[in-house]
C-alpha atoms as a PDB file:
ATOM      1  CA  MET A   1      -6.504 -54.126  -9.417  1.00  0.00           C
ATOM      2  CA  PRO A   2      -7.303 -53.403  -5.691  1.00  0.00           C
ATOM      3  CA  ILE A   3      -4.736 -53.468  -3.121  1.00  0.00           C
ATOM      4  CA  GLU A   4      -5.196 -56.389  -1.029  1.00  0.00           C
ATOM      5  CA  GLN A   5      -5.464 -55.288   3.041  1.00  0.00           C
ATOM      6  CA  GLN A   6      -3.147 -56.992   5.167  1.00  0.00           C
ATOM      7  CA  PRO A   7      -4.240 -58.386   8.595  1.00  0.00           C
ATOM      8  CA  LEU A   8      -3.458 -56.170  11.695  1.00  0.00           C
ATOM      9  CA  GLN A   9      -3.295 -57.007  15.163  1.00  0.00           C
ATOM     10  CA  ARG A  10      -1.779 -54.644  17.624  1.00  0.00           C
ATOM     11  CA  THR A  11      -2.229 -53.080  21.148  1.00  0.00           C
ATOM     12  CA  VAL A  12      -2.969 -49.318  20.631  1.00  0.00           C
ATOM     13  CA  GLU A  13      -3.225 -45.997  22.743  1.00  0.00           C
ATOM     14  CA  VAL A  14      -6.501 -44.136  21.813  1.00  0.00           C
ATOM     15  CA  PRO A  15      -6.759 -40.647  22.739  1.00  0.00           C
ATOM     16  CA  ALA A  16     -10.187 -39.758  24.278  1.00  0.00           C
ATOM     17  CA  SER A  17     -11.397 -37.185  26.714  1.00  0.00           C
ATOM     18  CA  GLY A  18      -7.963 -35.946  27.852  1.00  0.00           C
ATOM     19  CA  ALA A  19      -6.622 -39.606  28.497  1.00  0.00           C
ATOM     20  CA  GLU A  20      -4.515 -42.508  26.527  1.00  0.00           C
ATOM     21  CA  LEU A  21      -6.579 -45.448  27.001  1.00  0.00           C
ATOM     22  CA  ALA A  22      -5.459 -48.979  26.239  1.00  0.00           C
ATOM     23  CA  GLY A  23      -6.840 -51.111  23.507  1.00  0.00           C
ATOM     24  CA  ASP A  24      -6.523 -54.078  21.593  1.00  0.00           C
ATOM     25  CA  LEU A  25      -7.051 -53.708  17.562  1.00  0.00           C
ATOM     26  CA  VAL A  26      -7.385 -56.776  15.262  1.00  0.00           C
ATOM     27  CA  VAL A  27      -8.276 -56.348  11.673  1.00  0.00           C
ATOM     28  CA  PRO A  28      -8.608 -59.422   9.304  1.00  0.00           C
ATOM     29  CA  ALA A  29      -7.705 -58.927   5.677  1.00  0.00           C
ATOM     30  CA  GLY A  30     -10.738 -57.947   3.706  1.00  0.00           C
ATOM     31  CA  ALA A  31     -12.198 -56.863   6.861  1.00  0.00           C
ATOM     32  CA  ARG A  32     -16.051 -55.637   5.924  1.00  0.00           C
ATOM     33  CA  GLY A  33     -16.267 -53.564   8.894  1.00  0.00           C
ATOM     34  CA  VAL A  34     -15.132 -52.798  12.524  1.00  0.00           C
ATOM     35  CA  VAL A  35     -16.609 -53.455  15.909  1.00  0.00           C
ATOM     36  CA  LEU A  36     -15.926 -51.243  18.829  1.00  0.00           C
ATOM     37  CA  PHE A  37     -16.551 -52.617  21.978  1.00  0.00           C
ATOM     38  CA  ALA A  38     -17.773 -51.119  25.521  1.00  0.00           C
ATOM     39  CA  HIS A  39     -17.394 -53.335  28.493  1.00  0.00           C
ATOM     40  CA  GLY A  40     -19.874 -53.491  31.185  1.00  0.00           C
ATOM     41  CA  SER A  41     -19.250 -52.066  35.063  1.00  0.00           C
ATOM     42  CA  GLY A  42     -16.432 -53.581  36.950  1.00  0.00           C
ATOM     43  CA  SER A  43     -14.802 -55.216  33.605  1.00  0.00           C
ATOM     44  CA  SER A  44     -12.194 -54.483  31.026  1.00  0.00           C
ATOM     45  CA  ARG A  45     -10.921 -55.247  27.736  1.00  0.00           C
ATOM     46  CA  HIS A  46      -9.827 -58.780  29.150  1.00  0.00           C
ATOM     47  CA  SER A  47     -13.315 -59.902  29.882  1.00  0.00           C
ATOM     48  CA  PRO A  48     -13.267 -63.551  28.596  1.00  0.00           C
ATOM     49  CA  ARG A  49     -16.805 -63.484  27.182  1.00  0.00           C
ATOM     50  CA  ASN A  50     -15.915 -60.102  25.062  1.00  0.00           C
ATOM     51  CA  ARG A  51     -12.447 -61.379  23.973  1.00  0.00           C
ATOM     52  CA  GLN A  52     -14.883 -64.704  22.946  1.00  0.00           C
ATOM     53  CA  VAL A  53     -17.318 -62.581  21.102  1.00  0.00           C
ATOM     54  CA  ALA A  54     -14.434 -60.277  19.203  1.00  0.00           C
ATOM     55  CA  ALA A  55     -12.595 -63.688  18.137  1.00  0.00           C
ATOM     56  CA  ALA A  56     -15.646 -65.278  16.410  1.00  0.00           C
ATOM     57  CA  LEU A  57     -16.617 -61.694  14.828  1.00  0.00           C
ATOM     58  CA  GLN A  58     -12.598 -61.676  13.547  1.00  0.00           C
ATOM     59  CA  GLY A  59     -13.120 -65.071  12.073  1.00  0.00           C
ATOM     60  CA  ALA A  60     -16.398 -63.990  10.329  1.00  0.00           C
ATOM     61  CA  GLY A  61     -14.586 -61.137   8.757  1.00  0.00           C
ATOM     62  CA  PHE A  62     -14.967 -57.923  11.006  1.00  0.00           C
ATOM     63  CA  GLY A  63     -12.601 -56.128  12.794  1.00  0.00           C
ATOM     64  CA  THR A  64     -12.629 -55.507  16.763  1.00  0.00           C
ATOM     65  CA  LEU A  65     -11.282 -52.890  19.220  1.00  0.00           C
ATOM     66  CA  LEU A  66     -11.564 -53.903  22.727  1.00  0.00           C
ATOM     67  CA  MET A  67     -10.621 -51.105  24.816  1.00  0.00           C
ATOM     68  CA  ASP A  68     -10.715 -49.876  28.585  1.00  0.00           C
ATOM     69  CA  LEU A  69     -12.896 -46.724  29.059  1.00  0.00           C
ATOM     70  CA  LEU A  70     -11.186 -46.030  32.068  1.00  0.00           C
ATOM     71  CA  THR A  71      -7.306 -45.326  32.842  1.00  0.00           C
ATOM     72  CA  GLU A  72      -5.173 -47.620  35.223  1.00  0.00           C
ATOM     73  CA  ALA A  73      -5.453 -44.721  37.687  1.00  0.00           C
ATOM     74  CA  GLU A  74      -9.361 -44.407  37.440  1.00  0.00           C
ATOM     75  CA  GLU A  75      -9.443 -48.158  37.877  1.00  0.00           C
ATOM     76  CA  GLU A  76      -8.079 -47.939  41.080  1.00  0.00           C
ATOM     77  CA  VAL A  77     -10.464 -45.141  42.423  1.00  0.00           C
ATOM     78  CA  ASP A  78     -13.246 -46.911  40.710  1.00  0.00           C
ATOM     79  CA  ALA A  79     -12.493 -50.123  42.603  1.00  0.00           C
ATOM     80  CA  GLY A  80     -13.199 -48.346  45.961  1.00  0.00           C
ATOM     81  CA  THR A  81     -15.902 -46.084  45.011  1.00  0.00           C
ATOM     82  CA  ARG A  82     -17.589 -47.862  42.028  1.00  0.00           C
ATOM     83  CA  GLU A  83     -18.935 -44.607  40.951  1.00  0.00           C
ATOM     84  CA  LEU A  84     -16.755 -44.164  37.425  1.00  0.00           C
ATOM     85  CA  ARG A  85     -18.086 -47.168  35.918  1.00  0.00           C
ATOM     86  CA  PHE A  86     -21.779 -45.854  36.244  1.00  0.00           C
ATOM     87  CA  ASP A  87     -20.377 -42.459  34.873  1.00  0.00           C
ATOM     88  CA  ILE A  88     -22.336 -42.806  31.666  1.00  0.00           C
ATOM     89  CA  PRO A  89     -21.516 -39.691  30.330  1.00  0.00           C
ATOM     90  CA  LEU A  90     -17.741 -40.117  30.783  1.00  0.00           C
ATOM     91  CA  LEU A  91     -17.731 -43.627  29.329  1.00  0.00           C
ATOM     92  CA  ALA A  92     -19.807 -42.595  26.217  1.00  0.00           C
ATOM     93  CA  GLY A  93     -17.499 -39.583  25.385  1.00  0.00           C
ATOM     94  CA  ARG A  94     -14.593 -41.530  25.509  1.00  0.00           C
ATOM     95  CA  LEU A  95     -16.365 -44.458  23.242  1.00  0.00           C
ATOM     96  CA  THR A  96     -17.164 -41.303  20.791  1.00  0.00           C
ATOM     97  CA  ASP A  97     -13.796 -40.420  20.597  1.00  0.00           C
ATOM     98  CA  ALA A  98     -12.519 -43.900  20.117  1.00  0.00           C
ATOM     99  CA  ALA A  99     -15.152 -44.343  17.222  1.00  0.00           C
ATOM    100  CA  ASP A 100     -13.629 -40.903  15.612  1.00  0.00           C
ATOM    101  CA  TRP A 101      -9.963 -42.297  16.094  1.00  0.00           C
ATOM    102  CA  LEU A 102     -10.965 -45.656  14.145  1.00  0.00           C
ATOM    103  CA  ASP A 103     -12.253 -43.323  11.222  1.00  0.00           C
ATOM    104  CA  ALA A 104      -8.882 -41.882  10.834  1.00  0.00           C
ATOM    105  CA  ALA A 105      -6.600 -44.373  12.156  1.00  0.00           C
ATOM    106  CA  ASP A 106      -4.382 -46.782   9.503  1.00  0.00           C
ATOM    107  CA  GLY A 107      -6.090 -50.175   8.844  1.00  0.00           C
ATOM    108  CA  THR A 108      -9.597 -48.921   9.760  1.00  0.00           C
ATOM    109  CA  ALA A 109     -10.412 -45.480   8.004  1.00  0.00           C
ATOM    110  CA  GLY A 110     -13.149 -45.880   5.941  1.00  0.00           C
ATOM    111  CA  LEU A 111     -14.539 -49.017   7.302  1.00  0.00           C
ATOM    112  CA  PRO A 112     -17.963 -49.147   8.429  1.00  0.00           C
ATOM    113  CA  LEU A 113     -18.392 -49.273  12.187  1.00  0.00           C
ATOM    114  CA  ALA A 114     -20.514 -50.891  14.913  1.00  0.00           C
ATOM    115  CA  THR A 115     -20.482 -50.604  18.228  1.00  0.00           C
ATOM    116  CA  PHE A 116     -20.989 -53.252  20.680  1.00  0.00           C
ATOM    117  CA  GLY A 117     -21.815 -52.871  24.596  1.00  0.00           C
ATOM    118  CA  ALA A 118     -22.099 -55.350  27.551  1.00  0.00           C
ATOM    119  CA  SER A 119     -24.090 -54.256  30.678  1.00  0.00           C
ATOM    120  CA  THR A 120     -23.656 -50.460  31.220  1.00  0.00           C
ATOM    121  CA  GLY A 121     -21.669 -50.403  28.097  1.00  0.00           C
ATOM    122  CA  ALA A 122     -24.379 -50.796  26.104  1.00  0.00           C
ATOM    123  CA  ALA A 123     -25.897 -47.058  27.085  1.00  0.00           C
ATOM    124  CA  ALA A 124     -22.419 -45.649  25.816  1.00  0.00           C
ATOM    125  CA  ALA A 125     -22.709 -47.859  22.780  1.00  0.00           C
ATOM    126  CA  LEU A 126     -26.070 -46.369  22.234  1.00  0.00           C
ATOM    127  CA  ILE A 127     -25.207 -42.969  22.781  1.00  0.00           C
ATOM    128  CA  THR A 128     -22.059 -42.962  20.405  1.00  0.00           C
ATOM    129  CA  ALA A 129     -24.346 -44.225  17.728  1.00  0.00           C
ATOM    130  CA  ALA A 130     -26.873 -41.244  18.701  1.00  0.00           C
ATOM    131  CA  ASP A 131     -23.834 -38.629  18.393  1.00  0.00           C
ATOM    132  CA  ARG A 132     -22.438 -40.195  15.038  1.00  0.00           C
ATOM    133  CA  PRO A 133     -25.543 -40.835  13.007  1.00  0.00           C
ATOM    134  CA  GLY A 134     -23.630 -40.810   9.813  1.00  0.00           C
ATOM    135  CA  ARG A 135     -20.829 -43.102  11.071  1.00  0.00           C
ATOM    136  CA  VAL A 136     -22.236 -45.945  13.319  1.00  0.00           C
ATOM    137  CA  ARG A 137     -24.203 -48.360  11.035  1.00  0.00           C
ATOM    138  CA  ALA A 138     -25.017 -50.774  13.759  1.00  0.00           C
ATOM    139  CA  VAL A 139     -25.258 -51.220  17.533  1.00  0.00           C
ATOM    140  CA  ILE A 140     -25.267 -54.836  19.464  1.00  0.00           C
ATOM    141  CA  SER A 141     -26.136 -54.824  23.308  1.00  0.00           C
ATOM    142  CA  ARG A 142     -25.331 -58.159  25.194  1.00  0.00           C
ATOM    143  CA  GLY A 143     -27.039 -58.236  28.555  1.00  0.00           C
ATOM    144  CA  GLY A 144     -27.037 -54.190  28.237  1.00  0.00           C
ATOM    145  CA  ARG A 145     -28.613 -51.295  30.016  1.00  0.00           C
ATOM    146  CA  PRO A 146     -30.026 -49.461  27.268  1.00  0.00           C
ATOM    147  CA  ASP A 147     -32.076 -47.964  29.404  1.00  0.00           C
ATOM    148  CA  LEU A 148     -29.240 -45.620  30.762  1.00  0.00           C
ATOM    149  CA  ALA A 149     -28.894 -43.891  27.506  1.00  0.00           C
ATOM    150  CA  GLY A 150     -31.603 -41.837  28.336  1.00  0.00           C
ATOM    151  CA  GLU A 151     -32.765 -39.143  26.020  1.00  0.00           C
ATOM    152  CA  ALA A 152     -30.359 -40.177  23.403  1.00  0.00           C
ATOM    153  CA  LEU A 153     -32.485 -43.522  22.659  1.00  0.00           C
ATOM    154  CA  GLY A 154     -34.621 -41.450  20.783  1.00  0.00           C
ATOM    155  CA  ARG A 155     -31.809 -40.044  18.664  1.00  0.00           C
ATOM    156  CA  VAL A 156     -30.299 -43.833  17.809  1.00  0.00           C
ATOM    157  CA  GLN A 157     -30.648 -44.031  13.691  1.00  0.00           C
ATOM    158  CA  ALA A 158     -28.560 -47.101  13.734  1.00  0.00           C
ATOM    159  CA  PRO A 159     -30.220 -50.536  13.641  1.00  0.00           C
ATOM    160  CA  ALA A 160     -30.062 -51.733  17.385  1.00  0.00           C
ATOM    161  CA  LEU A 161     -30.049 -55.538  18.362  1.00  0.00           C
ATOM    162  CA  LEU A 162     -30.678 -55.955  21.943  1.00  0.00           C
ATOM    163  CA  ILE A 163     -29.889 -59.278  22.984  1.00  0.00           C
ATOM    164  CA  VAL A 164     -30.905 -60.451  26.852  1.00  0.00           C
ATOM    165  CA  GLY A 165     -31.097 -63.834  28.420  1.00  0.00           C
ATOM    166  CA  GLY A 166     -34.425 -64.872  28.945  1.00  0.00           C
ATOM    167  CA  ALA A 167     -33.867 -65.735  32.669  1.00  0.00           C
ATOM    168  CA  ASP A 168     -32.795 -62.042  33.014  1.00  0.00           C
ATOM    169  CA  GLN A 169     -36.051 -60.870  33.957  1.00  0.00           C
ATOM    170  CA  GLN A 170     -35.377 -57.087  35.050  1.00  0.00           C
ATOM    171  CA  VAL A 171     -32.726 -56.550  32.597  1.00  0.00           C
ATOM    172  CA  LEU A 172     -35.130 -58.109  29.894  1.00  0.00           C
ATOM    173  CA  GLU A 173     -38.007 -55.628  30.940  1.00  0.00           C
ATOM    174  CA  LEU A 174     -35.438 -52.895  30.934  1.00  0.00           C
ATOM    175  CA  ASN A 175     -34.612 -53.599  27.327  1.00  0.00           C
ATOM    176  CA  ARG A 176     -38.139 -54.077  26.068  1.00  0.00           C
ATOM    177  CA  THR A 177     -39.187 -50.619  27.416  1.00  0.00           C
ATOM    178  CA  ALA A 178     -35.717 -48.971  25.777  1.00  0.00           C
ATOM    179  CA  ALA A 179     -36.558 -50.755  22.582  1.00  0.00           C
ATOM    180  CA  VAL A 180     -39.943 -48.667  22.170  1.00  0.00           C
ATOM    181  CA  GLN A 181     -37.839 -45.661  22.677  1.00  0.00           C
ATOM    182  CA  LEU A 182     -35.418 -46.330  20.067  1.00  0.00           C
ATOM    183  CA  ALA A 183     -35.834 -44.459  16.613  1.00  0.00           C
ATOM    184  CA  GLY A 184     -34.328 -46.646  14.174  1.00  0.00           C
ATOM    185  CA  GLU A 185     -35.125 -50.127  13.502  1.00  0.00           C
ATOM    186  CA  ASN A 186     -34.425 -52.741  16.124  1.00  0.00           C
ATOM    187  CA  ASP A 187     -34.931 -56.029  17.773  1.00  0.00           C
ATOM    188  CA  VAL A 188     -34.821 -57.630  21.177  1.00  0.00           C
ATOM    189  CA  ALA A 189     -33.287 -61.249  21.051  1.00  0.00           C
ATOM    190  CA  VAL A 190     -34.117 -63.228  23.977  1.00  0.00           C
ATOM    191  CA  VAL A 191     -31.660 -66.213  24.421  1.00  0.00           C
ATOM    192  CA  PRO A 192     -34.235 -68.791  26.174  1.00  0.00           C
ATOM    193  CA  GLY A 193     -33.027 -69.908  29.686  1.00  0.00           C
ATOM    194  CA  ALA A 194     -29.791 -67.732  29.832  1.00  0.00           C
ATOM    195  CA  THR A 195     -29.254 -65.425  32.449  1.00  0.00           C
ATOM    196  CA  HIS A 196     -27.091 -62.071  32.751  1.00  0.00           C
ATOM    197  CA  LEU A 197     -23.465 -63.321  31.898  1.00  0.00           C
ATOM    198  CA  PHE A 198     -25.067 -65.913  29.545  1.00  0.00           C
ATOM    199  CA  PRO A 199     -22.763 -68.689  31.228  1.00  0.00           C
ATOM    200  CA  GLU A 200     -25.143 -71.413  30.263  1.00  0.00           C
ATOM    201  CA  PRO A 201     -24.142 -73.897  27.591  1.00  0.00           C
ATOM    202  CA  GLY A 202     -24.730 -72.628  24.181  1.00  0.00           C
ATOM    203  CA  ALA A 203     -25.770 -69.085  25.264  1.00  0.00           C
ATOM    204  CA  LEU A 204     -23.109 -67.031  24.597  1.00  0.00           C
ATOM    205  CA  GLU A 205     -22.575 -69.176  21.258  1.00  0.00           C
ATOM    206  CA  GLU A 206     -26.120 -67.856  20.434  1.00  0.00           C
ATOM    207  CA  VAL A 207     -25.181 -64.316  21.423  1.00  0.00           C
ATOM    208  CA  ILE A 208     -22.579 -64.646  18.908  1.00  0.00           C
ATOM    209  CA  ASP A 209     -24.498 -66.188  16.016  1.00  0.00           C
ATOM    210  CA  ARG A 210     -27.444 -63.444  16.281  1.00  0.00           C
ATOM    211  CA  SER A 211     -24.401 -60.672  16.545  1.00  0.00           C
ATOM    212  CA  ILE A 212     -22.825 -62.054  12.902  1.00  0.00           C
ATOM    213  CA  ASP A 213     -26.285 -62.100  11.591  1.00  0.00           C
ATOM    214  CA  TRP A 214     -27.030 -58.421  12.719  1.00  0.00           C
ATOM    215  CA  LEU A 215     -23.560 -57.105  11.360  1.00  0.00           C
ATOM    216  CA  HIS A 216     -23.836 -59.109   8.122  1.00  0.00           C
ATOM    217  CA  ARG A 217     -27.371 -57.587   7.250  1.00  0.00           C
ATOM    218  CA  TRP A 218     -26.540 -53.732   8.184  1.00  0.00           C
ATOM    219  CA  LEU A 219     -22.753 -53.374   7.501  1.00  0.00           C
ATOM    220  CA  PRO A 220     -22.243 -53.091   3.928  1.00  0.00           C
ATOM    221  CA  LEU A 221     -19.091 -54.290   1.890  1.00  0.00           C
ATOM    222  CA  PRO A 222     -16.673 -51.578   1.561  1.00  0.00           C
ATOM    223  CA  PRO A 223     -16.085 -50.389  -1.780  1.00  0.00           C
ATOM    224  CA  ALA A 224     -12.620 -52.342  -2.237  1.00  0.00           C
ATOM    225  CA  ALA A 225     -14.030 -55.574  -1.194  1.00  0.00           C
ATOM    226  CA  VAL A 226     -16.768 -55.234  -3.771  1.00  0.00           C
ATOM    227  CA  ALA A 227     -14.589 -54.242  -6.509  1.00  0.00           C
ATOM    228  CA  ALA A 228     -12.553 -57.587  -5.781  1.00  0.00           C
ATOM    229  CA  ARG A 229     -15.945 -59.585  -6.375  1.00  0.00           C
END
């Protein structure tokens, strides 16, 4: 008989690029995977949009790790200079370190992994997928800037879902251009009438539905869950 996984919810400190980064880890019982979030420029793990998405993913059976990619001291510097939020190599390196940490952490070791990036965080999510091709099974971008991933786009083997608001025209064009450069299967999903942050009624809910469908499609059930069926 397989051992039933217990639900997990805790604040964690993730070692990444010489820093200790705060994160909120939630893993429901019997989780079929874990989603690592990369927030956008000027945001944090407390972003109400990402937290709403994360709660819905948890309800659908996926673990989530929401984390800050900058330390408190770096946040203070960035508030004045706005330079670190656009330091894509730094952010991507830290996200990749977090992916490695999840691979060995209690409650998440062995679970299939997806990365989820918003705004500039989408570039970090894609670079982590490119740098960990055997680990990251899927990528989701919400109103993201995948173009900032640069040459890494051609190395992303994981299926990538790029969700963009239909009224966010400039970002939509950037996503369509980036999608052509992706090596793996991908889809540019347009939410009609939505702007960059998806504040319109029902827009974020559509983001959630499309994200869950993508994860169900590309994150396989772990062996223990299959054996329990």
